[in-house]
């Protein structure tokens, strides 16, 4: 099982308390609990990147739920490769589910099917989702948790390629203040060593494209390929999010020039004759 949330430590401990009554705690992997509060789009990006590497049959619990107690549905999505996703139907589950292949979704019944009394309206992560996850981990079929449901569709924004250029946006600001974009790293040829970057309404900046933070030099701004497979804007030993006043959703524009090609010299074929 994996657990992803914006809950912080105290609330996460309550979710784990419910799970540990039914499942070996050693089977629970924490993916992240420091995600920005109520940041559905960012959580969807991070979840898809981290969780899709887990083995078939994993149960993924996600608690990023600004609509808790409201009209959004509590759901479980059964994926074609055997995994299950449990959480709110606000779009946070959809990119990962689509990546794994959606087989069927169910709206979780908050009644006796969850195996726990629903004690409130502000903490479905503990009172509704965690008991559902525990039952799935014990082999209970998802159809026994509720009735069929069509999940809310949310897709992570895609970048737009251009001629020696790209338009994208920030999809994640990590713990160090690095700005992870949705522009695939492979769009920029390896030979390119400098790019012109415009973040939000800020000025265009020509910065180095490197393979490490150290290569930038302390306090310098640059572009690197991130561990997510997309380009990131970073400051060595600093915070790009603060310097550029950027956050998730901030537009990012990149321009570059191809490295000049070296003309091959003609082979020496002997003396020239008219």
C-alpha atoms as a PDB file:
ATOM      1  CA  UNK A   1       0.000   0.000   0.000  1.00  0.00           C
ATOM      2  CA  UNK A   2       1.082   3.586  -0.581  1.00  0.00           C
ATOM      3  CA  UNK A   3      -0.135   6.731   1.124  1.00  0.00           C
ATOM      4  CA  UNK A   4      -0.024  10.222  -0.411  1.00  0.00           C
ATOM      5  CA  UNK A   5      -1.523  13.291   1.230  1.00  0.00           C
ATOM      6  CA  UNK A   6      -1.338  16.955   2.156  1.00  0.00           C
ATOM      7  CA  UNK A   7      -2.127  16.089   5.785  1.00  0.00           C
ATOM      8  CA  UNK A   8       1.195  16.589   7.537  1.00  0.00           C
ATOM      9  CA  UNK A   9       2.298  14.260  10.316  1.00  0.00           C
ATOM     10  CA  UNK A  10      -0.470  14.435  12.930  1.00  0.00           C
ATOM     11  CA  UNK A  11      -3.409  13.659  10.648  1.00  0.00           C
ATOM     12  CA  UNK A  12      -1.391  11.076   8.726  1.00  0.00           C
ATOM     13  CA  UNK A  13      -0.750   9.206  11.978  1.00  0.00           C
ATOM     14  CA  UNK A  14      -4.502   8.841  12.488  1.00  0.00           C
ATOM     15  CA  UNK A  15      -4.904   7.323   9.027  1.00  0.00           C
ATOM     16  CA  UNK A  16      -2.070   4.901   9.734  1.00  0.00           C
ATOM     17  CA  UNK A  17      -3.652   3.934  13.049  1.00  0.00           C
ATOM     18  CA  UNK A  18      -6.720   2.667  11.198  1.00  0.00           C
ATOM     19  CA  UNK A  19      -4.656   0.821   8.604  1.00  0.00           C
ATOM     20  CA  UNK A  20      -2.334  -0.785  11.168  1.00  0.00           C
ATOM     21  CA  UNK A  21      -5.280  -2.520  12.879  1.00  0.00           C
ATOM     22  CA  UNK A  22      -5.823  -4.627   9.783  1.00  0.00           C
ATOM     23  CA  UNK A  23      -2.611  -4.639   7.767  1.00  0.00           C
ATOM     24  CA  UNK A  24       1.079  -5.126   8.595  1.00  0.00           C
ATOM     25  CA  UNK A  25       2.536  -1.584   8.880  1.00  0.00           C
ATOM     26  CA  UNK A  26       5.614  -2.829   7.053  1.00  0.00           C
ATOM     27  CA  UNK A  27       3.542  -3.031   3.887  1.00  0.00           C
ATOM     28  CA  UNK A  28       2.725   0.692   3.940  1.00  0.00           C
ATOM     29  CA  UNK A  29       4.937   3.078   1.954  1.00  0.00           C
ATOM     30  CA  UNK A  30       4.693   6.832   2.499  1.00  0.00           C
ATOM     31  CA  UNK A  31       4.996   8.673  -0.821  1.00  0.00           C
ATOM     32  CA  UNK A  32       4.468  12.257   0.388  1.00  0.00           C
ATOM     33  CA  UNK A  33       2.650  14.128   3.151  1.00  0.00           C
ATOM     34  CA  UNK A  34       4.111  17.587   2.568  1.00  0.00           C
ATOM     35  CA  UNK A  35       2.202  18.375  -0.608  1.00  0.00           C
ATOM     36  CA  UNK A  36       0.682  21.878  -0.704  1.00  0.00           C
ATOM     37  CA  UNK A  37      -2.674  21.973   1.070  1.00  0.00           C
ATOM     38  CA  UNK A  38      -5.577  21.349  -1.316  1.00  0.00           C
ATOM     39  CA  UNK A  39      -3.249  21.305  -4.339  1.00  0.00           C
ATOM     40  CA  UNK A  40      -5.072  18.772  -6.500  1.00  0.00           C
ATOM     41  CA  UNK A  41      -3.191  19.465  -9.753  1.00  0.00           C
ATOM     42  CA  UNK A  42       0.254  19.238  -8.171  1.00  0.00           C
ATOM     43  CA  UNK A  43      -0.662  16.130  -6.192  1.00  0.00           C
ATOM     44  CA  UNK A  44      -1.937  14.432  -9.362  1.00  0.00           C
ATOM     45  CA  UNK A  45       1.395  15.077 -11.109  1.00  0.00           C
ATOM     46  CA  UNK A  46       3.534  13.890  -8.191  1.00  0.00           C
ATOM     47  CA  UNK A  47       1.352  10.836  -7.548  1.00  0.00           C
ATOM     48  CA  UNK A  48       1.511   9.665 -11.149  1.00  0.00           C
ATOM     49  CA  UNK A  49       5.273  10.078 -11.277  1.00  0.00           C
ATOM     50  CA  UNK A  50       5.934   8.239  -8.004  1.00  0.00           C
ATOM     51  CA  UNK A  51       3.251   5.573  -7.834  1.00  0.00           C
ATOM     52  CA  UNK A  52       3.360   4.062 -11.313  1.00  0.00           C
ATOM     53  CA  UNK A  53       6.662   2.355 -10.500  1.00  0.00           C
ATOM     54  CA  UNK A  54       5.090   0.153  -7.812  1.00  0.00           C
ATOM     55  CA  UNK A  55       4.249  -3.509  -8.494  1.00  0.00           C
ATOM     56  CA  UNK A  56       0.941  -4.836  -9.736  1.00  0.00           C
ATOM     57  CA  UNK A  57      -1.704  -5.174  -7.039  1.00  0.00           C
ATOM     58  CA  UNK A  58      -0.573  -2.166  -4.993  1.00  0.00           C
ATOM     59  CA  UNK A  59      -3.333  -0.231  -3.221  1.00  0.00           C
ATOM     60  CA  UNK A  60      -2.734   3.531  -3.469  1.00  0.00           C
ATOM     61  CA  UNK A  61      -4.498   5.771  -0.946  1.00  0.00           C
ATOM     62  CA  UNK A  62      -4.592   9.497  -1.722  1.00  0.00           C
ATOM     63  CA  UNK A  63      -5.924  12.134   0.681  1.00  0.00           C
ATOM     64  CA  UNK A  64      -5.823  15.545  -1.005  1.00  0.00           C
ATOM     65  CA  UNK A  65      -9.412  16.469  -0.493  1.00  0.00           C
ATOM     66  CA  UNK A  66     -10.512  20.123  -0.322  1.00  0.00           C
ATOM     67  CA  UNK A  67     -14.118  19.027  -0.963  1.00  0.00           C
ATOM     68  CA  UNK A  68     -14.276  16.613   1.978  1.00  0.00           C
ATOM     69  CA  UNK A  69     -17.843  16.201   3.228  1.00  0.00           C
ATOM     70  CA  UNK A  70     -19.235  17.870   0.096  1.00  0.00           C
ATOM     71  CA  UNK A  71     -20.590  16.661  -3.223  1.00  0.00           C
ATOM     72  CA  UNK A  72     -17.441  14.984  -4.546  1.00  0.00           C
ATOM     73  CA  UNK A  73     -17.652  11.203  -4.414  1.00  0.00           C
ATOM     74  CA  UNK A  74     -15.366   8.895  -2.413  1.00  0.00           C
ATOM     75  CA  UNK A  75     -14.153   6.295  -4.912  1.00  0.00           C
ATOM     76  CA  UNK A  76     -12.024   3.269  -5.616  1.00  0.00           C
ATOM     77  CA  UNK A  77     -10.645   2.727  -9.127  1.00  0.00           C
ATOM     78  CA  UNK A  78      -9.684  -0.787 -10.181  1.00  0.00           C
ATOM     79  CA  UNK A  79      -6.885  -0.674 -12.771  1.00  0.00           C
ATOM     80  CA  UNK A  80      -6.243  -3.136 -15.548  1.00  0.00           C
ATOM     81  CA  UNK A  81      -2.772  -4.028 -14.266  1.00  0.00           C
ATOM     82  CA  UNK A  82      -4.197  -5.073 -10.897  1.00  0.00           C
ATOM     83  CA  UNK A  83      -3.694  -2.016  -8.704  1.00  0.00           C
ATOM     84  CA  UNK A  84      -6.377  -0.043  -6.849  1.00  0.00           C
ATOM     85  CA  UNK A  85      -6.637   3.712  -6.241  1.00  0.00           C
ATOM     86  CA  UNK A  86      -8.675   5.039  -3.321  1.00  0.00           C
ATOM     87  CA  UNK A  87      -9.497   8.670  -2.598  1.00  0.00           C
ATOM     88  CA  UNK A  88     -11.729  11.607  -3.515  1.00  0.00           C
ATOM     89  CA  UNK A  89     -13.174  11.911  -7.007  1.00  0.00           C
ATOM     90  CA  UNK A  90     -11.738  15.377  -7.611  1.00  0.00           C
ATOM     91  CA  UNK A  91      -9.302  14.461 -10.381  1.00  0.00           C
ATOM     92  CA  UNK A  92      -6.276  13.668  -8.207  1.00  0.00           C
ATOM     93  CA  UNK A  93      -6.499   9.930  -8.979  1.00  0.00           C
ATOM     94  CA  UNK A  94      -7.281  10.158 -12.669  1.00  0.00           C
ATOM     95  CA  UNK A  95      -3.837  10.686 -14.309  1.00  0.00           C
ATOM     96  CA  UNK A  96      -2.349   7.684 -12.498  1.00  0.00           C
ATOM     97  CA  UNK A  97      -5.450   5.593 -13.134  1.00  0.00           C
ATOM     98  CA  UNK A  98      -5.365   6.426 -16.843  1.00  0.00           C
ATOM     99  CA  UNK A  99      -1.671   5.541 -16.955  1.00  0.00           C
ATOM    100  CA  UNK A 100      -2.318   2.156 -15.327  1.00  0.00           C
ATOM    101  CA  UNK A 101      -5.478   1.549 -17.339  1.00  0.00           C
ATOM    102  CA  UNK A 102      -8.926   2.123 -15.854  1.00  0.00           C
ATOM    103  CA  UNK A 103     -10.954  -1.078 -15.590  1.00  0.00           C
ATOM    104  CA  UNK A 104     -13.835   0.086 -13.401  1.00  0.00           C
ATOM    105  CA  UNK A 105     -14.594   2.628 -10.669  1.00  0.00           C
ATOM    106  CA  UNK A 106     -16.930   2.427  -7.679  1.00  0.00           C
ATOM    107  CA  UNK A 107     -18.413   5.017  -5.357  1.00  0.00           C
ATOM    108  CA  UNK A 108     -17.594   3.930  -1.798  1.00  0.00           C
ATOM    109  CA  UNK A 109     -20.642   3.445   0.395  1.00  0.00           C
ATOM    110  CA  UNK A 110     -20.022   5.239   3.734  1.00  0.00           C
ATOM    111  CA  UNK A 111     -22.244   2.691   5.458  1.00  0.00           C
ATOM    112  CA  UNK A 112     -21.467  -0.795   6.744  1.00  0.00           C
ATOM    113  CA  UNK A 113     -19.602  -1.854   3.589  1.00  0.00           C
ATOM    114  CA  UNK A 114     -16.487   0.042   4.673  1.00  0.00           C
ATOM    115  CA  UNK A 115     -16.231  -1.920   7.885  1.00  0.00           C
ATOM    116  CA  UNK A 116     -16.114   1.221  10.054  1.00  0.00           C
ATOM    117  CA  UNK A 117     -18.637   3.689  11.390  1.00  0.00           C
ATOM    118  CA  UNK A 118     -18.434   7.049   9.596  1.00  0.00           C
ATOM    119  CA  UNK A 119     -17.797   9.381  12.535  1.00  0.00           C
ATOM    120  CA  UNK A 120     -17.663  12.769  10.837  1.00  0.00           C
ATOM    121  CA  UNK A 121     -17.599  14.811   7.672  1.00  0.00           C
ATOM    122  CA  UNK A 122     -14.134  16.389   7.822  1.00  0.00           C
ATOM    123  CA  UNK A 123     -11.777  13.402   7.770  1.00  0.00           C
ATOM    124  CA  UNK A 124     -12.766  10.850   5.141  1.00  0.00           C
ATOM    125  CA  UNK A 125      -9.111   9.856   4.873  1.00  0.00           C
ATOM    126  CA  UNK A 126      -9.352   8.225   8.293  1.00  0.00           C
ATOM    127  CA  UNK A 127     -13.038   7.346   8.527  1.00  0.00           C
ATOM    128  CA  UNK A 128     -13.844   6.185   4.993  1.00  0.00           C
ATOM    129  CA  UNK A 129     -10.801   5.752   2.741  1.00  0.00           C
ATOM    130  CA  UNK A 130      -8.491   3.943   5.183  1.00  0.00           C
ATOM    131  CA  UNK A 131     -11.051   1.236   6.086  1.00  0.00           C
ATOM    132  CA  UNK A 132     -11.742   0.730   2.374  1.00  0.00           C
ATOM    133  CA  UNK A 133      -8.018   0.366   1.671  1.00  0.00           C
ATOM    134  CA  UNK A 134      -7.633  -2.149   4.484  1.00  0.00           C
ATOM    135  CA  UNK A 135     -10.421  -4.296   3.024  1.00  0.00           C
ATOM    136  CA  UNK A 136      -8.932  -4.173  -0.463  1.00  0.00           C
ATOM    137  CA  UNK A 137      -5.528  -5.164   0.927  1.00  0.00           C
ATOM    138  CA  UNK A 138      -7.163  -8.207   2.525  1.00  0.00           C
ATOM    139  CA  UNK A 139      -8.574  -9.285  -0.840  1.00  0.00           C
ATOM    140  CA  UNK A 140     -12.123  -7.880  -0.716  1.00  0.00           C
ATOM    141  CA  UNK A 141     -13.437  -7.159  -4.219  1.00  0.00           C
ATOM    142  CA  UNK A 142     -13.933  -3.424  -4.940  1.00  0.00           C
ATOM    143  CA  UNK A 143     -17.500  -4.116  -6.093  1.00  0.00           C
ATOM    144  CA  UNK A 144     -18.338  -4.953  -2.464  1.00  0.00           C
ATOM    145  CA  UNK A 145     -17.397  -1.432  -1.355  1.00  0.00           C
ATOM    146  CA  UNK A 146     -20.034   0.403  -3.372  1.00  0.00           C
ATOM    147  CA  UNK A 147     -21.814   0.868  -6.666  1.00  0.00           C
ATOM    148  CA  UNK A 148     -20.299   1.553 -10.123  1.00  0.00           C
ATOM    149  CA  UNK A 149     -19.244   5.131 -10.761  1.00  0.00           C
ATOM    150  CA  UNK A 150     -17.824   7.214 -13.631  1.00  0.00           C
ATOM    151  CA  UNK A 151     -14.744   9.063 -12.307  1.00  0.00           C
ATOM    152  CA  UNK A 152     -14.072  12.748 -12.837  1.00  0.00           C
ATOM    153  CA  UNK A 153     -11.626  13.309 -15.703  1.00  0.00           C
ATOM    154  CA  UNK A 154      -8.537  15.432 -15.057  1.00  0.00           C
ATOM    155  CA  UNK A 155      -5.446  15.396 -17.259  1.00  0.00           C
ATOM    156  CA  UNK A 156      -2.122  17.005 -16.431  1.00  0.00           C
ATOM    157  CA  UNK A 157      -1.501  19.931 -18.807  1.00  0.00           C
ATOM    158  CA  UNK A 158       0.763  19.201 -21.750  1.00  0.00           C
ATOM    159  CA  UNK A 159       3.503  21.470 -23.004  1.00  0.00           C
ATOM    160  CA  UNK A 160       3.469  22.826 -26.558  1.00  0.00           C
ATOM    161  CA  UNK A 161       6.551  22.367 -28.747  1.00  0.00           C
ATOM    162  CA  UNK A 162       7.718  25.010 -31.202  1.00  0.00           C
ATOM    163  CA  UNK A 163      10.657  25.614 -33.521  1.00  0.00           C
ATOM    164  CA  UNK A 164      13.609  25.677 -31.117  1.00  0.00           C
ATOM    165  CA  UNK A 165      11.129  26.630 -28.410  1.00  0.00           C
ATOM    166  CA  UNK A 166       8.519  25.276 -26.011  1.00  0.00           C
ATOM    167  CA  UNK A 167       5.646  26.575 -23.927  1.00  0.00           C
ATOM    168  CA  UNK A 168       4.685  24.885 -20.708  1.00  0.00           C
ATOM    169  CA  UNK A 169       3.999  25.583 -17.073  1.00  0.00           C
ATOM    170  CA  UNK A 170       5.143  24.750 -13.579  1.00  0.00           C
ATOM    171  CA  UNK A 171       3.487  21.517 -12.434  1.00  0.00           C
ATOM    172  CA  UNK A 172       5.413  21.007  -9.183  1.00  0.00           C
ATOM    173  CA  UNK A 173       7.502  23.154  -6.852  1.00  0.00           C
ATOM    174  CA  UNK A 174       9.565  20.697  -4.850  1.00  0.00           C
ATOM    175  CA  UNK A 175      10.875  20.832  -1.283  1.00  0.00           C
ATOM    176  CA  UNK A 176      13.979  22.756  -2.413  1.00  0.00           C
ATOM    177  CA  UNK A 177      12.091  25.362  -4.410  1.00  0.00           C
ATOM    178  CA  UNK A 178      12.967  23.865  -7.802  1.00  0.00           C
ATOM    179  CA  UNK A 179      10.320  24.557 -10.449  1.00  0.00           C
ATOM    180  CA  UNK A 180       9.428  21.327 -12.233  1.00  0.00           C
ATOM    181  CA  UNK A 181       7.853  22.028 -15.626  1.00  0.00           C
ATOM    182  CA  UNK A 182       5.815  19.846 -17.959  1.00  0.00           C
ATOM    183  CA  UNK A 183       8.299  20.324 -20.827  1.00  0.00           C
ATOM    184  CA  UNK A 184       9.919  16.944 -21.620  1.00  0.00           C
ATOM    185  CA  UNK A 185      13.690  17.048 -21.232  1.00  0.00           C
ATOM    186  CA  UNK A 186      14.262  15.345 -24.586  1.00  0.00           C
ATOM    187  CA  UNK A 187      12.693  18.273 -26.434  1.00  0.00           C
ATOM    188  CA  UNK A 188      15.913  20.243 -25.974  1.00  0.00           C
ATOM    189  CA  UNK A 189      18.850  18.741 -27.891  1.00  0.00           C
ATOM    190  CA  UNK A 190      21.749  17.612 -25.712  1.00  0.00           C
ATOM    191  CA  UNK A 191      24.133  19.948 -27.540  1.00  0.00           C
ATOM    192  CA  UNK A 192      22.196  23.023 -26.345  1.00  0.00           C
ATOM    193  CA  UNK A 193      24.056  24.633 -23.461  1.00  0.00           C
ATOM    194  CA  UNK A 194      22.106  27.870 -22.989  1.00  0.00           C
ATOM    195  CA  UNK A 195      18.398  28.639 -23.066  1.00  0.00           C
ATOM    196  CA  UNK A 196      16.299  31.768 -22.803  1.00  0.00           C
ATOM    197  CA  UNK A 197      13.715  31.252 -20.058  1.00  0.00           C
ATOM    198  CA  UNK A 198      10.672  33.382 -19.305  1.00  0.00           C
ATOM    199  CA  UNK A 199       8.749  32.479 -16.144  1.00  0.00           C
ATOM    200  CA  UNK A 200       5.358  34.087 -15.686  1.00  0.00           C
ATOM    201  CA  UNK A 201       5.449  37.823 -16.297  1.00  0.00           C
ATOM    202  CA  UNK A 202       9.134  38.066 -15.491  1.00  0.00           C
ATOM    203  CA  UNK A 203      11.840  39.100 -17.940  1.00  0.00           C
ATOM    204  CA  UNK A 204      13.478  36.725 -20.391  1.00  0.00           C
ATOM    205  CA  UNK A 205      16.691  35.341 -18.911  1.00  0.00           C
ATOM    206  CA  UNK A 206      19.442  33.514 -20.775  1.00  0.00           C
ATOM    207  CA  UNK A 207      20.687  30.784 -18.444  1.00  0.00           C
ATOM    208  CA  UNK A 208      22.902  27.704 -18.652  1.00  0.00           C
ATOM    209  CA  UNK A 209      21.500  24.244 -19.252  1.00  0.00           C
ATOM    210  CA  UNK A 210      23.489  21.839 -17.059  1.00  0.00           C
ATOM    211  CA  UNK A 211      23.390  18.304 -15.721  1.00  0.00           C
ATOM    212  CA  UNK A 212      23.943  19.151 -12.031  1.00  0.00           C
ATOM    213  CA  UNK A 213      23.199  21.881  -9.510  1.00  0.00           C
ATOM    214  CA  UNK A 214      26.888  22.182  -8.629  1.00  0.00           C
ATOM    215  CA  UNK A 215      27.716  23.049 -12.238  1.00  0.00           C
ATOM    216  CA  UNK A 216      25.511  26.148 -11.953  1.00  0.00           C
ATOM    217  CA  UNK A 217      27.449  27.647  -9.072  1.00  0.00           C
ATOM    218  CA  UNK A 218      26.011  28.904  -5.801  1.00  0.00           C
ATOM    219  CA  UNK A 219      23.134  31.311  -6.283  1.00  0.00           C
ATOM    220  CA  UNK A 220      22.995  30.956 -10.065  1.00  0.00           C
ATOM    221  CA  UNK A 221      19.829  30.213 -12.022  1.00  0.00           C
ATOM    222  CA  UNK A 222      19.726  27.476 -14.648  1.00  0.00           C
ATOM    223  CA  UNK A 223      17.801  24.674 -16.318  1.00  0.00           C
ATOM    224  CA  UNK A 224      18.287  20.949 -15.730  1.00  0.00           C
ATOM    225  CA  UNK A 225      16.562  17.718 -16.598  1.00  0.00           C
ATOM    226  CA  UNK A 226      14.546  16.720 -13.524  1.00  0.00           C
ATOM    227  CA  UNK A 227      14.037  13.240 -12.079  1.00  0.00           C
ATOM    228  CA  UNK A 228      10.469  13.449 -13.427  1.00  0.00           C
ATOM    229  CA  UNK A 229      11.755  13.397 -17.006  1.00  0.00           C
ATOM    230  CA  UNK A 230      10.890  17.056 -17.566  1.00  0.00           C
ATOM    231  CA  UNK A 231      12.917  20.261 -17.411  1.00  0.00           C
ATOM    232  CA  UNK A 232      13.225  22.147 -14.149  1.00  0.00           C
ATOM    233  CA  UNK A 233      14.288  25.698 -13.395  1.00  0.00           C
ATOM    234  CA  UNK A 234      16.572  25.762 -10.374  1.00  0.00           C
ATOM    235  CA  UNK A 235      18.956  27.861  -8.309  1.00  0.00           C
ATOM    236  CA  UNK A 236      22.019  26.159  -6.878  1.00  0.00           C
ATOM    237  CA  UNK A 237      21.726  26.372  -3.078  1.00  0.00           C
ATOM    238  CA  UNK A 238      18.747  28.701  -3.448  1.00  0.00           C
ATOM    239  CA  UNK A 239      15.034  28.692  -4.210  1.00  0.00           C
ATOM    240  CA  UNK A 240      13.874  29.311  -7.766  1.00  0.00           C
ATOM    241  CA  UNK A 241      10.229  29.564  -6.672  1.00  0.00           C
ATOM    242  CA  UNK A 242      10.997  32.560  -4.447  1.00  0.00           C
ATOM    243  CA  UNK A 243      13.415  34.272  -6.808  1.00  0.00           C
ATOM    244  CA  UNK A 244      11.037  34.023  -9.766  1.00  0.00           C
ATOM    245  CA  UNK A 245       7.835  34.382  -7.722  1.00  0.00           C
ATOM    246  CA  UNK A 246       6.441  31.289  -9.406  1.00  0.00           C
ATOM    247  CA  UNK A 247       4.110  28.496  -8.342  1.00  0.00           C
ATOM    248  CA  UNK A 248       2.141  25.641  -9.868  1.00  0.00           C
ATOM    249  CA  UNK A 249       0.383  26.894 -12.977  1.00  0.00           C
ATOM    250  CA  UNK A 250       2.867  29.697 -13.720  1.00  0.00           C
ATOM    251  CA  UNK A 251       3.621  29.747 -17.484  1.00  0.00           C
ATOM    252  CA  UNK A 252       7.136  28.912 -18.631  1.00  0.00           C
ATOM    253  CA  UNK A 253       8.522  29.729 -22.092  1.00  0.00           C
ATOM    254  CA  UNK A 254      11.814  28.333 -23.370  1.00  0.00           C
ATOM    255  CA  UNK A 255      13.842  29.244 -26.454  1.00  0.00           C
ATOM    256  CA  UNK A 256      17.169  27.900 -27.656  1.00  0.00           C
ATOM    257  CA  UNK A 257      19.457  27.686 -30.637  1.00  0.00           C
ATOM    258  CA  UNK A 258      20.856  24.516 -32.089  1.00  0.00           C
ATOM    259  CA  UNK A 259      24.605  24.195 -31.759  1.00  0.00           C
ATOM    260  CA  UNK A 260      26.285  25.103 -35.055  1.00  0.00           C
ATOM    261  CA  UNK A 261      27.177  22.170 -37.204  1.00  0.00           C
ATOM    262  CA  UNK A 262      30.820  21.683 -38.083  1.00  0.00           C
ATOM    263  CA  UNK A 263      31.338  21.375 -41.859  1.00  0.00           C
ATOM    264  CA  UNK A 264      33.310  18.342 -42.796  1.00  0.00           C
ATOM    265  CA  UNK A 265      36.461  19.119 -44.785  1.00  0.00           C
ATOM    266  CA  UNK A 266      36.749  17.430 -48.201  1.00  0.00           C
ATOM    267  CA  UNK A 267      38.987  14.405 -48.293  1.00  0.00           C
ATOM    268  CA  UNK A 268      42.450  14.862 -49.835  1.00  0.00           C
ATOM    269  CA  UNK A 269      42.149  13.191 -53.224  1.00  0.00           C
ATOM    270  CA  UNK A 270      45.510  14.246 -54.539  1.00  0.00           C
ATOM    271  CA  UNK A 271      46.633  17.173 -56.752  1.00  0.00           C
ATOM    272  CA  UNK A 272      43.911  19.221 -58.330  1.00  0.00           C
ATOM    273  CA  UNK A 273      43.828  19.105 -62.115  1.00  0.00           C
ATOM    274  CA  UNK A 274      41.957  21.410 -64.432  1.00  0.00           C
END
